[in-house]
Protein backbone atom coordinates (compact mmCIF):
# COMPACT_ATOMS: atom_id res chain seq x y z
CA MET A 1 103.05 119.61 78.13
CA GLY A 2 105.28 116.60 78.66
CA ALA A 3 104.39 113.57 80.74
CA ASP A 4 106.93 114.62 83.36
CA GLU A 5 105.65 118.15 83.89
CA ILE A 6 103.29 119.75 86.40
CA SER A 7 100.76 122.17 84.93
CA PRO A 8 100.26 125.58 86.56
CA ARG A 9 96.72 124.57 87.57
CA ALA A 10 97.84 121.35 89.23
CA ARG A 11 100.68 123.16 90.98
CA ALA A 12 98.32 125.84 92.30
CA ILE A 13 95.86 123.24 93.63
CA HIS A 14 98.55 121.05 95.11
CA PHE A 15 100.51 123.66 97.03
CA SER A 16 97.36 125.29 98.45
CA SER A 17 95.95 121.93 99.64
CA LEU A 18 96.62 119.95 102.78
CA VAL A 19 98.61 116.99 101.46
CA PHE A 20 98.35 114.25 104.09
CA ASP A 21 100.34 111.00 103.75
CA THR A 22 99.03 108.36 106.16
CA HIS A 23 101.93 105.90 106.11
CA ALA A 24 105.72 106.14 105.91
CA ASP A 25 108.24 103.81 107.56
CA THR A 26 110.95 106.44 108.03
CA PRO A 27 111.28 105.82 111.82
CA GLN A 28 113.37 102.75 110.96
CA ARG A 29 116.01 105.06 109.52
CA LEU A 30 115.81 107.38 112.51
CA PHE A 31 116.22 104.50 114.96
CA PHE A 32 118.89 102.36 113.28
CA ASP A 33 120.90 104.94 111.34
CA GLN A 34 120.25 108.05 113.45
CA PHE A 35 119.23 109.66 110.18
CA ASP A 36 118.79 113.43 110.36
CA LEU A 37 115.51 114.46 108.71
CA ALA A 38 116.93 117.88 107.86
CA LYS A 39 119.37 116.28 105.41
CA ARG A 40 118.32 115.85 101.80
CA ASP A 41 119.48 112.31 101.20
CA ALA A 42 120.31 110.27 98.12
CA GLU A 43 118.79 107.23 99.82
CA GLY A 44 115.31 106.67 101.12
CA CYS A 45 112.15 108.61 100.38
CA VAL A 46 111.42 111.06 103.19
CA ASP A 47 113.29 114.03 104.63
CA ILE A 48 112.33 117.62 105.34
CA PRO A 49 113.65 119.09 102.04
CA ARG A 50 111.74 116.53 99.96
CA LEU A 51 108.58 116.86 102.06
CA ARG A 52 108.75 120.61 101.42
CA GLU A 53 109.32 120.11 97.69
CA GLY A 54 106.37 117.71 97.59
CA GLY A 55 104.07 120.09 99.40
CA VAL A 56 103.39 117.59 102.20
CA GLY A 57 101.64 119.22 105.14
CA ALA A 58 101.03 116.19 107.35
CA ILE A 59 102.47 112.69 107.54
CA PHE A 60 101.90 109.66 109.73
CA LEU A 61 105.22 108.02 110.58
CA ALA A 62 104.73 104.32 111.28
CA LEU A 63 106.37 102.57 114.22
CA TRP A 64 106.76 99.21 112.47
CA VAL A 65 107.80 96.18 114.47
CA PRO A 66 108.74 92.99 112.53
CA VAL A 67 106.47 90.07 113.38
CA GLU A 68 109.45 88.01 114.53
CA ILE A 69 109.80 90.38 117.49
CA THR A 70 107.12 89.58 120.05
CA GLY A 71 106.11 90.14 123.66
CA GLY A 72 107.82 92.86 125.66
CA ALA A 73 110.59 93.08 123.07
CA ALA A 74 108.03 94.25 120.49
CA THR A 75 106.79 96.95 122.85
CA ARG A 76 110.36 98.10 123.53
CA ARG A 77 111.15 98.25 119.81
CA ALA A 78 108.08 100.41 119.14
CA GLN A 79 109.05 102.65 122.05
CA GLY A 80 112.56 102.99 120.63
CA LEU A 81 111.16 104.02 117.25
CA LEU A 82 108.86 106.47 119.00
CA ASP A 83 111.74 108.00 120.97
CA ALA A 84 113.82 108.43 117.82
CA THR A 85 110.93 110.11 115.99
CA LEU A 86 110.07 112.47 118.84
CA LYS A 87 113.74 113.45 119.05
CA GLN A 88 113.75 114.51 115.39
CA ILE A 89 110.56 116.53 115.88
CA GLU A 90 112.16 118.29 118.85
CA ILE A 91 115.45 118.98 117.07
CA HIS A 92 113.71 120.33 113.99
CA GLY A 93 110.96 122.32 115.68
CA ASP A 94 111.20 125.10 113.08
CA ASP A 95 110.01 122.67 110.41
CA LEU A 96 108.15 119.90 112.26
CA ALA A 97 105.38 119.77 114.86
CA LEU A 98 103.96 116.74 116.63
CA ALA A 99 100.22 116.60 115.95
CA THR A 100 97.73 114.46 117.86
CA SER A 101 94.49 116.01 116.60
CA PRO A 102 93.01 117.64 113.49
CA ASP A 103 93.28 121.04 115.18
CA GLN A 104 96.99 120.51 115.75
CA VAL A 105 97.45 119.53 112.10
CA LEU A 106 95.83 122.79 111.05
CA LYS A 107 97.80 124.77 113.64
CA ALA A 108 101.07 123.34 112.28
CA ARG A 109 99.98 124.24 108.76
CA SER A 110 99.19 127.82 109.81
CA LYS A 111 102.77 128.12 111.09
CA ASN A 112 104.24 126.62 107.89
CA LYS A 113 105.32 123.50 109.76
CA ILE A 114 104.90 119.88 108.69
CA ALA A 115 102.58 118.04 111.06
CA VAL A 116 104.07 114.70 112.12
CA LEU A 117 101.65 112.11 113.45
CA LEU A 118 102.44 108.69 114.91
CA GLY A 119 101.02 105.26 114.16
CA ILE A 120 101.91 101.77 115.36
CA GLU A 121 102.21 99.17 112.60
CA GLY A 122 101.54 95.75 114.07
CA GLY A 123 99.25 95.18 117.04
CA HIS A 124 101.73 92.73 118.55
CA ALA A 125 103.58 95.86 119.75
CA ILE A 126 101.05 96.27 122.58
CA ASP A 127 101.91 92.81 123.96
CA ASN A 128 98.23 91.89 124.51
CA SER A 129 97.82 94.77 126.95
CA LEU A 130 95.24 97.57 126.87
CA ALA A 131 97.41 99.41 129.39
CA VAL A 132 100.31 99.39 126.90
CA LEU A 133 97.92 100.63 124.19
CA ARG A 134 96.88 103.49 126.46
CA GLY A 135 100.52 104.27 127.17
CA PHE A 136 101.28 104.66 123.47
CA HIS A 137 98.23 106.90 123.08
CA GLU A 138 99.43 109.09 125.94
CA ARG A 139 102.73 109.56 124.10
CA GLY A 140 100.98 110.73 120.95
CA VAL A 141 100.22 107.61 118.89
CA ARG A 142 96.98 108.14 116.97
CA TYR A 143 96.49 104.99 114.95
CA MET A 144 97.34 101.33 115.13
CA THR A 145 97.55 98.93 112.20
CA LEU A 146 96.05 95.87 113.89
CA THR A 147 98.37 93.29 112.34
CA HIS A 148 101.36 93.11 110.05
CA ASN A 149 102.27 90.03 107.99
CA ALA A 150 101.42 87.51 110.71
CA ALA A 151 98.43 87.01 112.96
CA THR A 152 98.60 88.43 116.45
CA ASP A 153 97.16 86.57 119.42
CA TRP A 154 93.90 88.42 118.78
CA ALA A 155 93.60 89.27 115.06
CA ASP A 156 94.22 87.48 111.76
CA SER A 157 96.51 88.85 109.04
CA SER A 158 95.95 88.92 105.29
CA ASN A 159 99.37 87.33 104.80
CA ASP A 160 99.06 84.48 107.27
CA ALA A 161 96.94 81.38 107.79
CA PRO A 162 93.84 82.20 109.86
CA ARG A 163 94.07 81.47 113.57
CA HIS A 164 90.96 83.17 114.93
CA ASN A 165 88.51 83.45 112.04
CA GLY A 166 88.97 87.21 112.32
CA LEU A 167 89.08 88.85 115.76
CA THR A 168 89.06 87.21 119.18
CA ASP A 169 87.08 88.59 122.13
CA PHE A 170 90.22 90.43 123.22
CA GLY A 171 90.53 91.83 119.72
CA ARG A 172 87.07 93.32 120.10
CA GLN A 173 88.18 94.83 123.41
CA VAL A 174 91.09 96.45 121.57
CA ILE A 175 88.65 97.97 119.07
CA ARG A 176 86.40 99.31 121.82
CA GLU A 177 89.36 100.80 123.69
CA MET A 178 90.71 102.46 120.54
CA ASN A 179 87.23 103.91 119.97
CA ARG A 180 87.19 105.24 123.53
CA LEU A 181 90.64 106.80 123.16
CA GLY A 182 89.72 108.40 119.84
CA MET A 183 92.45 106.40 118.10
CA LEU A 184 92.15 105.50 114.42
CA ILE A 185 91.77 101.80 113.66
CA ASP A 186 93.84 100.78 110.63
CA ILE A 187 92.75 97.61 108.80
CA SER A 188 95.60 97.49 106.27
CA HIS A 189 97.20 94.02 106.68
CA VAL A 190 94.21 92.32 108.39
CA SER A 191 92.39 89.31 106.93
CA ASP A 192 89.04 89.72 105.22
CA ALA A 193 87.26 88.11 108.18
CA ALA A 194 89.03 90.42 110.62
CA PHE A 195 88.10 93.40 108.44
CA TYR A 196 84.39 92.67 108.74
CA ASN A 197 84.73 91.90 112.46
CA VAL A 198 86.34 95.30 112.96
CA LEU A 199 83.55 97.11 111.12
CA GLU A 200 80.99 95.29 113.21
CA ALA A 201 82.76 96.09 116.49
CA SER A 202 83.78 99.72 115.86
CA ARG A 203 81.63 102.71 116.75
CA ALA A 204 84.03 104.98 114.83
CA PRO A 205 84.94 105.01 111.14
CA VAL A 206 87.91 102.85 110.13
CA ILE A 207 90.82 103.53 107.78
CA ALA A 208 93.09 101.54 105.54
CA SER A 209 96.30 103.56 105.91
CA HIS A 210 98.09 101.94 102.95
CA SER A 211 96.12 99.57 100.71
CA CYS A 212 95.08 99.38 97.07
CA CYS A 213 92.18 97.89 95.09
CA ARG A 214 92.01 94.12 94.67
CA ALA A 215 90.02 94.50 91.46
CA LEU A 216 93.13 95.98 89.80
CA CYS A 217 95.79 93.92 91.60
CA ASP A 218 94.78 90.64 93.19
CA SER A 219 96.72 90.78 96.44
CA PRO A 220 95.25 89.77 99.81
CA ARG A 221 96.69 93.04 101.13
CA ASN A 222 94.31 95.00 98.89
CA LEU A 223 90.60 95.60 99.48
CA ASP A 224 87.96 94.16 97.18
CA ASP A 225 85.06 96.31 96.00
CA SER A 226 82.68 95.04 98.69
CA MET A 227 85.22 95.92 101.39
CA ILE A 228 85.80 99.40 99.96
CA LYS A 229 82.05 99.98 99.87
CA ALA A 230 81.61 98.69 103.44
CA LEU A 231 84.48 100.87 104.70
CA ALA A 232 82.92 103.94 103.09
CA SER A 233 79.42 103.15 104.38
CA GLN A 234 80.72 103.65 107.92
CA GLY A 235 82.55 106.87 107.07
CA GLY A 236 85.99 105.32 106.59
CA VAL A 237 88.75 106.10 104.10
CA ILE A 238 90.95 103.85 101.95
CA HIS A 239 94.37 105.42 101.46
CA ILE A 240 95.92 104.23 98.22
CA THR A 241 99.49 103.05 98.63
CA PHE A 242 102.40 103.17 96.20
CA HIS A 243 104.00 99.71 96.53
CA ASP A 244 104.62 98.15 93.10
CA ALA A 245 103.28 94.72 94.13
CA PHE A 246 99.96 96.22 95.27
CA LEU A 247 99.58 98.52 92.25
CA SER A 248 100.40 96.24 89.32
CA GLN A 249 99.07 92.77 88.62
CA ASP A 250 101.93 92.15 86.19
CA TYR A 251 104.49 93.05 88.84
CA ALA A 252 102.73 90.97 91.50
CA THR A 253 102.60 87.92 89.20
CA ALA A 254 106.26 88.23 88.23
CA ASN A 255 107.22 88.79 91.85
CA ARG A 256 105.46 85.59 92.92
CA ALA A 257 107.30 83.67 90.19
CA LEU A 258 110.57 84.85 91.71
CA ALA A 259 109.57 83.89 95.26
CA SER A 260 112.42 81.44 95.89
CA GLU A 261 115.03 83.82 94.44
CA ILE A 262 113.64 86.70 96.50
CA ALA A 263 113.70 84.59 99.66
CA SER A 264 117.35 83.77 99.00
CA HIS A 265 118.15 87.47 98.54
CA GLU A 266 116.31 88.31 101.77
CA ARG A 267 118.35 85.76 103.73
CA ALA A 268 121.60 87.11 102.31
CA VAL A 269 120.63 90.71 103.04
CA SER A 270 119.59 89.82 106.58
CA GLN A 271 122.94 88.16 107.20
CA LYS A 272 124.72 91.24 105.89
CA PHE A 273 122.84 93.90 107.84
CA GLY A 274 121.47 91.95 110.80
CA ALA A 275 118.65 93.63 112.69
CA ASN A 276 118.91 96.92 110.77
CA GLU A 277 115.58 96.81 108.92
CA ALA A 278 116.26 100.17 107.29
CA ARG A 279 119.45 98.91 105.62
CA ASN A 280 117.76 95.61 104.72
CA LEU A 281 115.00 97.37 102.85
CA MET A 282 117.34 99.69 100.96
CA GLU A 283 119.41 96.74 99.79
CA LEU A 284 116.27 94.89 98.71
CA GLN A 285 115.17 98.02 96.85
CA ARG A 286 118.49 97.99 94.99
CA LEU A 287 117.97 94.34 94.07
CA SER A 288 114.42 95.10 92.91
CA ASP A 289 115.69 97.94 90.72
CA GLU A 290 118.24 95.54 89.25
CA ALA A 291 115.53 92.96 88.53
CA ILE A 292 113.55 95.64 86.68
CA ARG A 293 116.61 96.66 84.64
CA THR A 294 117.25 93.04 83.63
CA GLY A 295 113.59 92.41 82.75
CA LYS A 296 112.85 89.94 85.56
CA LEU A 297 110.28 92.36 86.94
CA PRO A 298 108.18 94.83 84.93
CA GLN A 299 108.53 98.57 85.40
CA VAL A 300 105.53 100.12 87.16
CA GLY A 301 104.70 103.78 86.48
CA TRP A 302 103.31 106.31 88.96
CA GLU A 303 100.10 106.59 86.95
CA LYS A 304 99.05 103.23 88.43
CA ILE A 305 98.45 105.08 91.71
CA VAL A 306 95.90 107.28 89.96
CA ASP A 307 94.29 104.17 88.44
CA HIS A 308 93.67 102.84 91.94
CA ILE A 309 92.40 106.21 93.17
CA ASP A 310 90.03 106.26 90.19
CA HIS A 311 88.74 102.79 90.96
CA ALA A 312 88.24 103.48 94.67
CA VAL A 313 86.42 106.73 93.89
CA GLY A 314 84.16 104.83 91.51
CA ILE A 315 83.22 102.45 94.32
CA ALA A 316 83.20 104.72 97.38
CA GLY A 317 83.02 108.31 96.10
CA THR A 318 85.51 111.11 96.56
CA ASP A 319 84.76 111.45 100.30
CA HIS A 320 86.36 108.11 101.15
CA VAL A 321 89.71 107.99 99.34
CA GLY A 322 93.12 109.29 100.45
CA ILE A 323 96.84 108.56 100.03
CA GLY A 324 99.24 106.47 102.12
CA SER A 325 102.57 106.11 100.35
CA ASP A 326 104.45 103.45 102.38
CA PHE A 327 107.60 105.47 101.64
CA ASP A 328 110.73 103.94 103.20
CA GLY A 329 108.86 100.68 103.61
CA ALA A 330 108.11 99.42 100.11
CA PHE A 331 109.21 99.50 96.46
CA MET A 332 108.11 102.66 94.69
CA PRO A 333 106.92 103.01 91.08
CA GLU A 334 108.86 104.98 88.51
CA GLY A 335 108.18 108.68 88.91
CA MET A 336 107.10 108.42 92.56
CA GLU A 337 110.46 107.61 94.09
CA ASP A 338 110.21 109.98 97.05
CA ALA A 339 108.09 112.61 98.77
CA SER A 340 109.16 115.38 96.38
CA ARG A 341 107.11 113.68 93.66
CA PHE A 342 103.71 114.11 95.31
CA PRO A 343 102.63 116.94 92.94
CA PHE A 344 102.41 114.37 90.15
CA LEU A 345 99.42 112.81 91.89
CA THR A 346 97.60 116.13 91.66
CA GLU A 347 98.67 116.45 88.03
CA GLY A 348 97.30 112.97 87.36
CA LEU A 349 93.96 113.83 88.96
CA VAL A 350 93.74 117.10 87.02
CA ARG A 351 94.42 115.27 83.76
CA ARG A 352 91.60 112.86 84.51
CA GLY A 353 89.09 115.61 85.04
CA TYR A 354 88.75 115.69 88.82
CA LYS A 355 87.28 118.88 90.21
CA GLU A 356 89.39 120.98 92.55
CA PRO A 357 87.27 120.35 95.70
CA ASP A 358 87.47 116.59 95.11
CA ILE A 359 91.24 116.72 94.60
CA ARG A 360 91.59 118.53 97.91
CA LYS A 361 89.52 115.85 99.63
CA ILE A 362 91.68 113.04 98.26
CA LEU A 363 94.95 114.80 99.04
CA GLY A 364 94.13 115.28 102.71
CA GLU A 365 90.75 116.65 103.71
CA ASN A 366 89.18 113.19 103.94
CA THR A 367 91.89 112.09 106.36
CA LEU A 368 91.40 115.17 108.51
CA ARG A 369 87.65 114.53 108.57
CA VAL A 370 87.96 110.88 109.61
CA MET A 371 90.35 111.92 112.38
CA ALA A 372 87.83 114.50 113.59
CA ASP A 373 84.99 111.95 113.51
CA THR A 374 87.06 109.44 115.49
CA GLU A 375 88.06 112.08 118.04
CA ARG A 376 84.43 113.20 118.46
CA ILE A 377 83.19 109.64 118.99
CA GLY A 378 85.97 109.03 121.52
CA LYS A 379 84.84 112.06 123.52
CA GLN A 380 81.26 110.79 123.45
CA LEU A 381 82.26 107.34 124.67
CA ARG A 382 84.40 108.74 127.47
CA ALA A 383 81.49 110.97 128.53
CA GLU A 384 79.14 107.96 128.57
CA LYS A 385 81.45 106.15 131.02
CA SER A 386 82.07 109.14 133.30
């Protein structure tokens, strides 16, 4: 069997499993370009045909708000992304179903529909308001990534200088309210100090929706072994992401060496496409591909994803690892260019000797379980206050 083939065993496991991707930035395309998810597209990573080909049964679509947008404008941007996503779910009701609970994910699956779930990426979108947080929850949002690449007024980011030494008192209120609502807390992007503050404050398990292992790629966005172990000890799940710079140390090192050139490209792209983040990212992806072709950046293969899954399993066990692609929001490794390529992850796990029940856990069952645990704890907390 060739390296680019799926074995009958892997195919059988994959297409009978719940494949659950916890992070894709496709709402940017829906909002800015009015992209139709029913169209198989030459650009981007996610659409209904490729989700079907990849056997994806559930996917969290992230409502990402750039850190430069703050206050009420950040809330309005997230609401615009939400509106655009809900519109696509409504238009394509034969293929898609909005899911806000594990039961609804399974119900969608029983009807051969793809369950679409909603997450906010960047806590600045709630504009320091628990009422706004509750409003997003009422409209179906079921996780929030607490920060993006800059600190909020209440939580520190892994990619920014610390402002709060982790979480502020209001940040802890956010955690308690998310627990009460039964809303998943996502620690991808937070600082190490904020990570441990979150674990201390949360009654429910916590997820990393799209992070890798720092032991294999030394990025502040990745979790070190102690963090992975701590996350698992409270029932949480690390979802391995596909971004080249989080998978490969060689790529990350070369990327840092090109920092000034990359910044220049980013300014030029921003001037060309303005506020259209979807177009900006696709142009930057083209420039990244060109840098790989010319040898400025190394090629990263999809097998690196399995390396990180392997490492996380070795630290946390198979009950605490999942997948969160970051499709349409990051630079993908060779062989994992879009959602149709998901079966290769199952093939990679089969080749490395993983047992079928453990593969099913990693592909999606762990995510479903952590959602159920969070929902159950939310019900308990609401009952305690009633």
